[in-house]
Amino acid sequence: DIDRKREDFCLSGHSNSVTCVAVSADAKRIFSGSADNSIKAWNWATKEEEFLLNGHENTVSAIVLLYEETSLASGSHDRTIKVWNLESR
């Protein structure tokens, strides 16, 4: 609630710091990257985790949605960029 400057909800589940966030254009999903080396996809309506993307060997520091949001690119302190197919995950 921006007018009242208060939190609407909180998503928790990573085992280390959240380092980056991306929101889908339709605002149906929130993606969070973490120092636990993972990316979580959250359902905006239910506030629940939808799925987890594992594969980085160090902190996920950047995420961006690509290709009409059918893919996600992530950058990590492991010096890699991974592109994830969100439709086939």
PDB file of N, CA and C in Angstrom:
ATOM      1  N   ASP A   1       0.850  -1.169   0.000  1.00  0.00           N
ATOM      2  CA  ASP A   1       0.000   0.000   0.000  1.00  0.00           C
ATOM      3  C   ASP A   1       0.898   1.233   0.000  1.00  0.00           C
ATOM      4  N   ILE A   2       1.136   1.796  -1.156  1.00  0.00           N
ATOM      5  CA  ILE A   2       2.084   2.901  -1.292  1.00  0.00           C
ATOM      6  C   ILE A   2       1.594   4.146  -0.562  1.00  0.00           C
ATOM      7  N   ASP A   3       0.300   4.433  -0.638  1.00  0.00           N
ATOM      8  CA  ASP A   3      -0.216   5.625   0.027  1.00  0.00           C
ATOM      9  C   ASP A   3       0.017   5.572   1.529  1.00  0.00           C
ATOM     10  N   ARG A   4      -0.163   4.424   2.103  1.00  0.00           N
ATOM     11  CA  ARG A   4       0.019   4.270   3.556  1.00  0.00           C
ATOM     12  C   ARG A   4       1.431   3.846   3.924  1.00  0.00           C
ATOM     13  N   LYS A   5       2.250   3.593   2.904  1.00  0.00           N
ATOM     14  CA  LYS A   5       3.644   3.204   3.094  1.00  0.00           C
ATOM     15  C   LYS A   5       3.782   1.997   4.019  1.00  0.00           C
ATOM     16  N   ARG A   6       3.018   0.961   3.701  1.00  0.00           N
ATOM     17  CA  ARG A   6       3.109  -0.261   4.490  1.00  0.00           C
ATOM     18  C   ARG A   6       3.185  -1.474   3.572  1.00  0.00           C
ATOM     19  N   GLU A   7       3.684  -2.536   4.108  1.00  0.00           N
ATOM     20  CA  GLU A   7       3.854  -3.790   3.380  1.00  0.00           C
ATOM     21  C   GLU A   7       2.509  -4.463   3.159  1.00  0.00           C
ATOM     22  N   ASP A   8       2.280  -4.954   1.938  1.00  0.00           N
ATOM     23  CA  ASP A   8       1.057  -5.696   1.638  1.00  0.00           C
ATOM     24  C   ASP A   8       1.203  -7.171   1.995  1.00  0.00           C
ATOM     25  N   PHE A   9       2.373  -7.739   1.683  1.00  0.00           N
ATOM     26  CA  PHE A   9       2.618  -9.141   2.012  1.00  0.00           C
ATOM     27  C   PHE A   9       4.115  -9.404   1.971  1.00  0.00           C
ATOM     28  N   CYS A  10       4.509 -10.559   2.490  1.00  0.00           N
ATOM     29  CA  CYS A  10       5.916 -10.952   2.546  1.00  0.00           C
ATOM     30  C   CYS A  10       6.035 -12.385   2.032  1.00  0.00           C
ATOM     31  N   LEU A  11       7.002 -12.630   1.178  1.00  0.00           N
ATOM     32  CA  LEU A  11       7.286 -13.968   0.685  1.00  0.00           C
ATOM     33  C   LEU A  11       8.589 -14.436   1.323  1.00  0.00           C
ATOM     34  N   SER A  12       8.585 -15.606   1.906  1.00  0.00           N
ATOM     35  CA  SER A  12       9.817 -16.118   2.500  1.00  0.00           C
ATOM     36  C   SER A  12       9.978 -17.589   2.154  1.00  0.00           C
ATOM     37  N   GLY A  13      11.223 -18.022   2.096  1.00  0.00           N
ATOM     38  CA  GLY A  13      11.480 -19.407   1.750  1.00  0.00           C
ATOM     39  C   GLY A  13      12.920 -19.671   1.353  1.00  0.00           C
ATOM     40  N   HIS A  14      13.657 -18.636   0.960  1.00  0.00           N
ATOM     41  CA  HIS A  14      15.071 -18.822   0.655  1.00  0.00           C
ATOM     42  C   HIS A  14      15.830 -19.075   1.954  1.00  0.00           C
ATOM     43  N   SER A  15      16.922 -19.810   1.857  1.00  0.00           N
ATOM     44  CA  SER A  15      17.735 -20.101   3.035  1.00  0.00           C
ATOM     45  C   SER A  15      18.878 -19.105   3.225  1.00  0.00           C
ATOM     46  N   ASN A  16      18.951 -18.093   2.356  1.00  0.00           N
ATOM     47  CA  ASN A  16      19.956 -17.037   2.476  1.00  0.00           C
ATOM     48  C   ASN A  16      19.360 -15.764   1.882  1.00  0.00           C
ATOM     49  N   SER A  17      20.121 -14.704   1.839  1.00  0.00           N
ATOM     50  CA  SER A  17      19.639 -13.394   1.404  1.00  0.00           C
ATOM     51  C   SER A  17      19.052 -13.416   0.001  1.00  0.00           C
ATOM     52  N   VAL A  18      17.979 -12.649  -0.202  1.00  0.00           N
ATOM     53  CA  VAL A  18      17.422 -12.416  -1.534  1.00  0.00           C
ATOM     54  C   VAL A  18      18.237 -11.285  -2.151  1.00  0.00           C
ATOM     55  N   THR A  19      18.751 -11.514  -3.342  1.00  0.00           N
ATOM     56  CA  THR A  19      19.663 -10.555  -3.972  1.00  0.00           C
ATOM     57  C   THR A  19      19.087  -9.856  -5.197  1.00  0.00           C
ATOM     58  N   CYS A  20      18.014 -10.421  -5.780  1.00  0.00           N
ATOM     59  CA  CYS A  20      17.401  -9.798  -6.950  1.00  0.00           C
ATOM     60  C   CYS A  20      15.969 -10.296  -7.113  1.00  0.00           C
ATOM     61  N   VAL A  21      15.169  -9.466  -7.767  1.00  0.00           N
ATOM     62  CA  VAL A  21      13.743  -9.762  -7.941  1.00  0.00           C
ATOM     63  C   VAL A  21      13.324  -9.306  -9.337  1.00  0.00           C
ATOM     64  N   ALA A  22      12.410 -10.066  -9.948  1.00  0.00           N
ATOM     65  CA  ALA A  22      11.788  -9.667 -11.219  1.00  0.00           C
ATOM     66  C   ALA A  22      10.307 -10.015 -11.138  1.00  0.00           C
ATOM     67  N   VAL A  23       9.491  -9.192 -11.777  1.00  0.00           N
ATOM     68  CA  VAL A  23       8.044  -9.409 -11.785  1.00  0.00           C
ATOM     69  C   VAL A  23       7.594  -9.542 -13.238  1.00  0.00           C
ATOM     70  N   SER A  24       6.756 -10.532 -13.503  1.00  0.00           N
ATOM     71  CA  SER A  24       6.240 -10.713 -14.859  1.00  0.00           C
ATOM     72  C   SER A  24       5.385  -9.512 -15.255  1.00  0.00           C
ATOM     73  N   ALA A  25       5.297  -9.250 -16.554  1.00  0.00           N
ATOM     74  CA  ALA A  25       4.548  -8.089 -17.048  1.00  0.00           C
ATOM     75  C   ALA A  25       3.077  -8.139 -16.648  1.00  0.00           C
ATOM     76  N   ASP A  26       2.528  -9.347 -16.569  1.00  0.00           N
ATOM     77  CA  ASP A  26       1.123  -9.480 -16.165  1.00  0.00           C
ATOM     78  C   ASP A  26       0.955  -9.536 -14.645  1.00  0.00           C
ATOM     79  N   ALA A  27       2.065  -9.431 -13.926  1.00  0.00           N
ATOM     80  CA  ALA A  27       2.091  -9.436 -12.455  1.00  0.00           C
ATOM     81  C   ALA A  27       1.506 -10.710 -11.852  1.00  0.00           C
ATOM     82  N   LYS A  28       1.593 -11.814 -12.584  1.00  0.00           N
ATOM     83  CA  LYS A  28       1.113 -13.091 -12.045  1.00  0.00           C
ATOM     84  C   LYS A  28       2.199 -13.845 -11.299  1.00  0.00           C
ATOM     85  N   ARG A  29       3.471 -13.523 -11.609  1.00  0.00           N
ATOM     86  CA  ARG A  29       4.589 -14.202 -10.953  1.00  0.00           C
ATOM     87  C   ARG A  29       5.636 -13.202 -10.491  1.00  0.00           C
ATOM     88  N   ILE A  30       6.262 -13.542  -9.382  1.00  0.00           N
ATOM     89  CA  ILE A  30       7.425 -12.827  -8.870  1.00  0.00           C
ATOM     90  C   ILE A  30       8.560 -13.845  -8.843  1.00  0.00           C
ATOM     91  N   PHE A  31       9.729 -13.464  -9.332  1.00  0.00           N
ATOM     92  CA  PHE A  31      10.906 -14.326  -9.304  1.00  0.00           C
ATOM     93  C   PHE A  31      11.922 -13.715  -8.351  1.00  0.00           C
ATOM     94  N   SER A  32      12.531 -14.552  -7.522  1.00  0.00           N
ATOM     95  CA  SER A  32      13.545 -14.062  -6.592  1.00  0.00           C
ATOM     96  C   SER A  32      14.808 -14.896  -6.730  1.00  0.00           C
ATOM     97  N   GLY A  33      15.938 -14.200  -6.809  1.00  0.00           N
ATOM     98  CA  GLY A  33      17.244 -14.846  -6.834  1.00  0.00           C
ATOM     99  C   GLY A  33      17.889 -14.664  -5.478  1.00  0.00           C
ATOM    100  N   SER A  34      18.737 -15.623  -5.098  1.00  0.00           N
ATOM    101  CA  SER A  34      19.225 -15.619  -3.734  1.00  0.00           C
ATOM    102  C   SER A  34      20.688 -16.030  -3.608  1.00  0.00           C
ATOM    103  N   ALA A  35      21.251 -15.707  -2.448  1.00  0.00           N
ATOM    104  CA  ALA A  35      22.587 -16.169  -2.085  1.00  0.00           C
ATOM    105  C   ALA A  35      22.571 -17.652  -1.738  1.00  0.00           C
ATOM    106  N   ASP A  36      21.412 -18.281  -1.736  1.00  0.00           N
ATOM    107  CA  ASP A  36      21.355 -19.745  -1.576  1.00  0.00           C
ATOM    108  C   ASP A  36      21.511 -20.452  -2.919  1.00  0.00           C
ATOM    109  N   ASN A  37      21.850 -19.686  -3.959  1.00  0.00           N
ATOM    110  CA  ASN A  37      22.157 -20.176  -5.312  1.00  0.00           C
ATOM    111  C   ASN A  37      20.927 -20.584  -6.114  1.00  0.00           C
ATOM    112  N   SER A  38      19.748 -20.227  -5.658  1.00  0.00           N
ATOM    113  CA  SER A  38      18.527 -20.660  -6.339  1.00  0.00           C
ATOM    114  C   SER A  38      17.680 -19.476  -6.791  1.00  0.00           C
ATOM    115  N   ILE A  39      16.703 -19.806  -7.652  1.00  0.00           N
ATOM    116  CA  ILE A  39      15.687 -18.856  -8.096  1.00  0.00           C
ATOM    117  C   ILE A  39      14.333 -19.476  -7.763  1.00  0.00           C
ATOM    118  N   LYS A  40      13.491 -18.706  -7.119  1.00  0.00           N
ATOM    119  CA  LYS A  40      12.139 -19.174  -6.807  1.00  0.00           C
ATOM    120  C   LYS A  40      11.140 -18.380  -7.643  1.00  0.00           C
ATOM    121  N   ALA A  41      10.104 -19.081  -8.095  1.00  0.00           N
ATOM    122  CA  ALA A  41       8.984 -18.444  -8.780  1.00  0.00           C
ATOM    123  C   ALA A  41       7.806 -18.485  -7.830  1.00  0.00           C
ATOM    124  N   TRP A  42       7.204 -17.325  -7.601  1.00  0.00           N
ATOM    125  CA  TRP A  42       6.098 -17.185  -6.663  1.00  0.00           C
ATOM    126  C   TRP A  42       4.836 -16.791  -7.406  1.00  0.00           C
ATOM    127  N   ASN A  43       3.729 -17.325  -6.987  1.00  0.00           N
ATOM    128  CA  ASN A  43       2.434 -16.954  -7.532  1.00  0.00           C
ATOM    129  C   ASN A  43       1.954 -15.715  -6.796  1.00  0.00           C
ATOM    130  N   TRP A  44       1.736 -14.621  -7.534  1.00  0.00           N
ATOM    131  CA  TRP A  44       1.331 -13.350  -6.912  1.00  0.00           C
ATOM    132  C   TRP A  44      -0.009 -13.489  -6.196  1.00  0.00           C
ATOM    133  N   ALA A  45      -0.969 -14.206  -6.785  1.00  0.00           N
ATOM    134  CA  ALA A  45      -2.320 -14.308  -6.213  1.00  0.00           C
ATOM    135  C   ALA A  45      -2.345 -15.147  -4.936  1.00  0.00           C
ATOM    136  N   THR A  46      -1.656 -16.295  -4.966  1.00  0.00           N
ATOM    137  CA  THR A  46      -1.714 -17.200  -3.810  1.00  0.00           C
ATOM    138  C   THR A  46      -0.608 -16.937  -2.800  1.00  0.00           C
ATOM    139  N   LYS A  47       0.430 -16.209  -3.227  1.00  0.00           N
ATOM    140  CA  LYS A  47       1.612 -15.914  -2.388  1.00  0.00           C
ATOM    141  C   LYS A  47       2.391 -17.178  -2.053  1.00  0.00           C
ATOM    142  N   GLU A  48       2.279 -18.200  -2.893  1.00  0.00           N
ATOM    143  CA  GLU A  48       2.971 -19.464  -2.666  1.00  0.00           C
ATOM    144  C   GLU A  48       4.032 -19.706  -3.733  1.00  0.00           C
ATOM    145  N   GLU A  49       5.060 -20.467  -3.362  1.00  0.00           N
ATOM    146  CA  GLU A  49       6.100 -20.839  -4.313  1.00  0.00           C
ATOM    147  C   GLU A  49       5.515 -21.770  -5.367  1.00  0.00           C
ATOM    148  N   GLU A  50       5.778 -21.458  -6.639  1.00  0.00           N
ATOM    149  CA  GLU A  50       5.315 -22.307  -7.735  1.00  0.00           C
ATOM    150  C   GLU A  50       6.365 -23.336  -8.138  1.00  0.00           C
ATOM    151  N   PHE A  51       7.623 -22.872  -8.255  1.00  0.00           N
ATOM    152  CA  PHE A  51       8.692 -23.792  -8.606  1.00  0.00           C
ATOM    153  C   PHE A  51      10.041 -23.180  -8.250  1.00  0.00           C
ATOM    154  N   LEU A  52      11.056 -24.047  -8.275  1.00  0.00           N
ATOM    155  CA  LEU A  52      12.415 -23.683  -7.897  1.00  0.00           C
ATOM    156  C   LEU A  52      13.342 -24.001  -9.058  1.00  0.00           C
ATOM    157  N   LEU A  53      14.275 -23.095  -9.343  1.00  0.00           N
ATOM    158  CA  LEU A  53      15.291 -23.322 -10.367  1.00  0.00           C
ATOM    159  C   LEU A  53      16.643 -23.423  -9.666  1.00  0.00           C
ATOM    160  N   ASN A  54      17.286 -24.571  -9.778  1.00  0.00           N
ATOM    161  CA  ASN A  54      18.612 -24.805  -9.201  1.00  0.00           C
ATOM    162  C   ASN A  54      19.598 -25.061 -10.321  1.00  0.00           C
ATOM    163  N   GLY A  55      20.853 -24.674 -10.101  1.00  0.00           N
ATOM    164  CA  GLY A  55      21.870 -24.929 -11.106  1.00  0.00           C
ATOM    165  C   GLY A  55      23.089 -24.044 -10.943  1.00  0.00           C
ATOM    166  N   HIS A  56      22.910 -22.886 -10.331  1.00  0.00           N
ATOM    167  CA  HIS A  56      24.060 -22.023 -10.084  1.00  0.00           C
ATOM    168  C   HIS A  56      24.859 -22.566  -8.906  1.00  0.00           C
ATOM    169  N   GLU A  57      26.158 -22.290  -8.905  1.00  0.00           N
ATOM    170  CA  GLU A  57      27.046 -22.752  -7.851  1.00  0.00           C
ATOM    171  C   GLU A  57      27.423 -21.650  -6.881  1.00  0.00           C
ATOM    172  N   ASN A  58      26.824 -20.454  -7.069  1.00  0.00           N
ATOM    173  CA  ASN A  58      27.089 -19.339  -6.171  1.00  0.00           C
ATOM    174  C   ASN A  58      25.880 -18.407  -6.235  1.00  0.00           C
ATOM    175  N   THR A  59      25.941 -17.306  -5.531  1.00  0.00           N
ATOM    176  CA  THR A  59      24.848 -16.346  -5.410  1.00  0.00           C
ATOM    177  C   THR A  59      24.277 -15.939  -6.763  1.00  0.00           C
ATOM    178  N   VAL A  60      22.959 -15.966  -6.886  1.00  0.00           N
ATOM    179  CA  VAL A  60      22.271 -15.446  -8.070  1.00  0.00           C
ATOM    180  C   VAL A  60      22.163 -13.935  -7.874  1.00  0.00           C
ATOM    181  N   SER A  61      22.744 -13.174  -8.788  1.00  0.00           N
ATOM    182  CA  SER A  61      22.815 -11.724  -8.615  1.00  0.00           C
ATOM    183  C   SER A  61      21.945 -10.930  -9.578  1.00  0.00           C
ATOM    184  N   ALA A  62      21.415 -11.589 -10.618  1.00  0.00           N
ATOM    185  CA  ALA A  62      20.576 -10.878 -11.587  1.00  0.00           C
ATOM    186  C   ALA A  62      19.620 -11.858 -12.254  1.00  0.00           C
ATOM    187  N   ILE A  63      18.390 -11.401 -12.471  1.00  0.00           N
ATOM    188  CA  ILE A  63      17.421 -12.187 -13.240  1.00  0.00           C
ATOM    189  C   ILE A  63      16.610 -11.246 -14.121  1.00  0.00           C
ATOM    190  N   VAL A  64      16.291 -11.726 -15.323  1.00  0.00           N
ATOM    191  CA  VAL A  64      15.478 -10.946 -16.252  1.00  0.00           C
ATOM    192  C   VAL A  64      14.633 -11.907 -17.084  1.00  0.00           C
ATOM    193  N   LEU A  65      13.400 -11.531 -17.330  1.00  0.00           N
ATOM    194  CA  LEU A  65      12.502 -12.338 -18.159  1.00  0.00           C
ATOM    195  C   LEU A  65      12.754 -12.030 -19.633  1.00  0.00           C
ATOM    196  N   LEU A  66      12.706 -13.071 -20.479  1.00  0.00           N
ATOM    197  CA  LEU A  66      13.009 -12.955 -21.908  1.00  0.00           C
ATOM    198  C   LEU A  66      11.913 -13.582 -22.755  1.00  0.00           C
ATOM    199  N   TYR A  67      11.967 -13.336 -24.054  1.00  0.00           N
ATOM    200  CA  TYR A  67      11.156 -14.045 -25.045  1.00  0.00           C
ATOM    201  C   TYR A  67       9.695 -14.164 -24.644  1.00  0.00           C
ATOM    202  N   GLU A  68       9.057 -13.037 -24.495  1.00  0.00           N
ATOM    203  CA  GLU A  68       7.644 -13.020 -24.101  1.00  0.00           C
ATOM    204  C   GLU A  68       7.418 -13.800 -22.813  1.00  0.00           C
ATOM    205  N   GLU A  69       8.431 -13.760 -21.966  1.00  0.00           N
ATOM    206  CA  GLU A  69       8.388 -14.354 -20.617  1.00  0.00           C
ATOM    207  C   GLU A  69       8.274 -15.871 -20.625  1.00  0.00           C
ATOM    208  N   THR A  70       8.752 -16.506 -21.697  1.00  0.00           N
ATOM    209  CA  THR A  70       8.820 -17.963 -21.718  1.00  0.00           C
ATOM    210  C   THR A  70      10.181 -18.455 -21.239  1.00  0.00           C
ATOM    211  N   SER A  71      11.125 -17.515 -21.088  1.00  0.00           N
ATOM    212  CA  SER A  71      12.463 -17.831 -20.600  1.00  0.00           C
ATOM    213  C   SER A  71      12.903 -16.791 -19.587  1.00  0.00           C
ATOM    214  N   LEU A  72      13.864 -17.198 -18.779  1.00  0.00           N
ATOM    215  CA  LEU A  72      14.437 -16.311 -17.773  1.00  0.00           C
ATOM    216  C   LEU A  72      15.949 -16.450 -17.844  1.00  0.00           C
ATOM    217  N   ALA A  73      16.666 -15.343 -17.827  1.00  0.00           N
ATOM    218  CA  ALA A  73      18.131 -15.378 -17.781  1.00  0.00           C
ATOM    219  C   ALA A  73      18.564 -14.995 -16.374  1.00  0.00           C
ATOM    220  N   SER A  74      19.582 -15.697 -15.878  1.00  0.00           N
ATOM    221  CA  SER A  74      20.099 -15.397 -14.546  1.00  0.00           C
ATOM    222  C   SER A  74      21.612 -15.293 -14.593  1.00  0.00           C
ATOM    223  N   GLY A  75      22.129 -14.344 -13.837  1.00  0.00           N
ATOM    224  CA  GLY A  75      23.568 -14.174 -13.690  1.00  0.00           C
ATOM    225  C   GLY A  75      23.962 -14.488 -12.261  1.00  0.00           C
ATOM    226  N   SER A  76      25.156 -15.021 -12.098  1.00  0.00           N
ATOM    227  CA  SER A  76      25.578 -15.487 -10.787  1.00  0.00           C
ATOM    228  C   SER A  76      27.022 -15.117 -10.490  1.00  0.00           C
ATOM    229  N   HIS A  77      27.348 -15.141  -9.218  1.00  0.00           N
ATOM    230  CA  HIS A  77      28.734 -14.947  -8.785  1.00  0.00           C
ATOM    231  C   HIS A  77      29.593 -16.149  -9.176  1.00  0.00           C
ATOM    232  N   ASP A  78      28.991 -17.223  -9.687  1.00  0.00           N
ATOM    233  CA  ASP A  78      29.775 -18.361 -10.192  1.00  0.00           C
ATOM    234  C   ASP A  78      30.316 -18.074 -11.597  1.00  0.00           C
ATOM    235  N   ARG A  79      30.104 -16.827 -12.075  1.00  0.00           N
ATOM    236  CA  ARG A  79      30.601 -16.332 -13.361  1.00  0.00           C
ATOM    237  C   ARG A  79      29.898 -16.966 -14.546  1.00  0.00           C
ATOM    238  N   THR A  80      28.621 -17.359 -14.348  1.00  0.00           N
ATOM    239  CA  THR A  80      27.850 -17.915 -15.458  1.00  0.00           C
ATOM    240  C   THR A  80      26.548 -17.138 -15.632  1.00  0.00           C
ATOM    241  N   ILE A  81      26.044 -17.205 -16.841  1.00  0.00           N
ATOM    242  CA  ILE A  81      24.697 -16.742 -17.169  1.00  0.00           C
ATOM    243  C   ILE A  81      23.948 -17.977 -17.643  1.00  0.00           C
ATOM    244  N   LYS A  82      22.821 -18.238 -17.034  1.00  0.00           N
ATOM    245  CA  LYS A  82      22.013 -19.383 -17.434  1.00  0.00           C
ATOM    246  C   LYS A  82      20.699 -18.865 -18.017  1.00  0.00           C
ATOM    247  N   VAL A  83      20.211 -19.538 -19.056  1.00  0.00           N
ATOM    248  CA  VAL A  83      18.908 -19.218 -19.632  1.00  0.00           C
ATOM    249  C   VAL A  83      18.008 -20.414 -19.370  1.00  0.00           C
ATOM    250  N   TRP A  84      16.888 -20.150 -18.714  1.00  0.00           N
ATOM    251  CA  TRP A  84      15.961 -21.185 -18.286  1.00  0.00           C
ATOM    252  C   TRP A  84      14.702 -21.140 -19.118  1.00  0.00           C
ATOM    253  N   ASN A  85      14.254 -22.276 -19.626  1.00  0.00           N
ATOM    254  CA  ASN A  85      12.984 -22.368 -20.336  1.00  0.00           C
ATOM    255  C   ASN A  85      11.891 -22.552 -19.294  1.00  0.00           C
ATOM    256  N   LEU A  86      11.054 -21.567 -19.121  1.00  0.00           N
ATOM    257  CA  LEU A  86      10.019 -21.620 -18.085  1.00  0.00           C
ATOM    258  C   LEU A  86       8.861 -22.521 -18.462  1.00  0.00           C
ATOM    259  N   GLU A  87       8.736 -22.841 -19.735  1.00  0.00           N
ATOM    260  CA  GLU A  87       7.640 -23.701 -20.162  1.00  0.00           C
ATOM    261  C   GLU A  87       7.953 -25.174 -19.958  1.00  0.00           C
ATOM    262  N   SER A  88       9.230 -25.552 -20.047  1.00  0.00           N
ATOM    263  CA  SER A  88       9.578 -26.959 -19.924  1.00  0.00           C
ATOM    264  C   SER A  88      10.281 -27.300 -18.606  1.00  0.00           C
ATOM    265  N   ARG A  89      10.707 -26.310 -17.874  1.00  0.00           N
ATOM    266  CA  ARG A  89      11.517 -26.481 -16.663  1.00  0.00           C
ATOM    267  C   ARG A  89      11.491 -27.883 -16.180  1.00  0.00           C
TER     268      ARG A  89
END
